[in-house]
Amino acid sequence: MVPSLLVPVLQLRIPSLLLAAAITFTCYYALILFYVAAYRLSPFHPLAKYPGPIANKLSKVTMAYVASTGKQHVYYMQLHKQYGDIVRIGEPLG
């Protein structure tokens, strides 16, 4: 809903309504993804004090892939050797 409010403003510069809508929605969702990533990597995140790979701090895709390969236990062992007893392996739901 929010990006659709900006389409008429952008359409003043871009003659195509479809192009104006595509640019507005793309920018809107790209900014949402950027801000979520910035927060998850920031020191303000509740889990910031726990070490772990950056990819695991951003999403659960890495762990889903590792689990699908059947080598999750090997990956956990490598992470514990690298980061210590406590490792941040994914973003909590919520």
Protein backbone atom coordinates (compact mmCIF):
# COMPACT_ATOMS: atom_id res chain seq x y z
CA MET A 1 0.00 0.00 0.00
CA VAL A 2 2.74 2.50 0.95
CA PRO A 3 4.68 2.29 -2.35
CA SER A 4 1.50 2.82 -4.33
CA LEU A 5 1.14 6.26 -2.70
CA LEU A 6 4.46 7.31 -4.23
CA VAL A 7 3.68 6.17 -7.78
CA PRO A 8 1.80 9.37 -8.76
CA VAL A 9 4.71 11.49 -7.54
CA LEU A 10 7.19 9.50 -9.61
CA GLN A 11 4.86 9.48 -12.59
CA LEU A 12 5.35 13.25 -12.90
CA ARG A 13 8.92 12.49 -14.07
CA ILE A 14 8.33 9.13 -15.77
CA PRO A 15 5.59 8.96 -18.42
CA SER A 16 4.84 5.24 -18.01
CA LEU A 17 2.61 4.27 -15.08
CA LEU A 18 3.90 0.70 -15.17
CA LEU A 19 7.54 1.78 -15.06
CA ALA A 20 6.85 4.25 -12.25
CA ALA A 21 5.13 1.51 -10.22
CA ALA A 22 7.95 -0.97 -10.88
CA ILE A 23 10.63 1.51 -9.79
CA THR A 24 8.70 2.52 -6.68
CA PHE A 25 8.00 -1.02 -5.49
CA THR A 26 11.55 -2.19 -6.27
CA CYS A 27 13.09 0.67 -4.29
CA TYR A 28 10.65 0.17 -1.41
CA TYR A 29 11.38 -3.53 -0.95
CA ALA A 30 15.11 -3.11 -1.54
CA LEU A 31 15.20 -0.55 1.28
CA ILE A 32 13.27 -2.89 3.58
CA LEU A 33 15.79 -5.67 2.92
CA PHE A 34 18.69 -3.27 3.46
CA TYR A 35 17.35 -2.00 6.79
CA VAL A 36 16.61 -5.51 8.06
CA ALA A 37 20.15 -6.62 7.16
CA ALA A 38 21.65 -3.51 8.75
CA TYR A 39 19.71 -4.15 11.98
CA ARG A 40 20.65 -7.83 12.14
CA LEU A 41 24.34 -6.94 11.78
CA SER A 42 24.21 -3.95 14.13
CA PRO A 43 25.29 -3.94 17.78
CA PHE A 44 21.66 -3.11 18.72
CA HIS A 45 20.42 -6.59 17.82
CA PRO A 46 19.76 -8.76 20.90
CA LEU A 47 21.99 -11.55 19.54
CA ALA A 48 24.86 -9.27 18.48
CA LYS A 49 27.09 -10.48 21.30
CA TYR A 50 27.13 -14.04 19.91
CA PRO A 51 29.69 -14.78 17.18
CA GLY A 52 28.93 -16.53 13.94
CA PRO A 53 29.12 -16.28 10.16
CA ILE A 54 27.56 -13.18 8.60
CA ALA A 55 25.37 -15.23 6.26
CA ASN A 56 23.86 -17.01 9.26
CA LYS A 57 23.19 -13.69 10.98
CA LEU A 58 21.22 -12.47 7.98
CA SER A 59 18.97 -15.44 7.22
CA LYS A 60 18.28 -19.13 7.70
CA VAL A 61 18.97 -20.01 4.07
CA THR A 62 22.53 -21.19 4.80
CA MET A 63 21.38 -23.56 7.53
CA ALA A 64 18.53 -24.85 5.35
CA TYR A 65 21.04 -25.69 2.63
CA VAL A 66 23.45 -27.35 5.08
CA ALA A 67 20.61 -29.39 6.57
CA SER A 68 19.53 -30.52 3.10
CA THR A 69 23.02 -31.88 2.40
CA GLY A 70 22.93 -34.09 5.49
CA LYS A 71 26.19 -32.64 6.85
CA GLN A 72 24.71 -30.35 9.50
CA HIS A 73 26.67 -32.02 12.30
CA VAL A 74 29.96 -31.45 10.45
CA TYR A 75 29.07 -27.80 9.84
CA TYR A 76 28.22 -27.31 13.54
CA MET A 77 31.56 -28.82 14.52
CA GLN A 78 33.43 -26.46 12.18
CA LEU A 79 31.56 -23.46 13.56
CA HIS A 80 32.32 -24.41 17.17
CA LYS A 81 36.01 -24.88 16.34
CA GLN A 82 36.10 -21.45 14.72
CA TYR A 83 33.86 -19.41 17.08
CA GLY A 84 33.88 -21.24 20.41
CA ASP A 85 31.20 -22.79 22.63
CA ILE A 86 28.33 -20.47 21.66
CA VAL A 87 27.63 -19.78 17.98
CA ARG A 88 24.87 -17.79 16.29
CA ILE A 89 23.65 -20.07 13.52
CA GLY A 90 20.43 -18.39 12.43
CA GLU A 91 17.97 -15.61 12.90
CA PRO A 92 15.15 -16.39 15.35
CA LEU A 93 11.58 -16.47 14.10
CA GLY A 94 9.47 -13.48 14.81
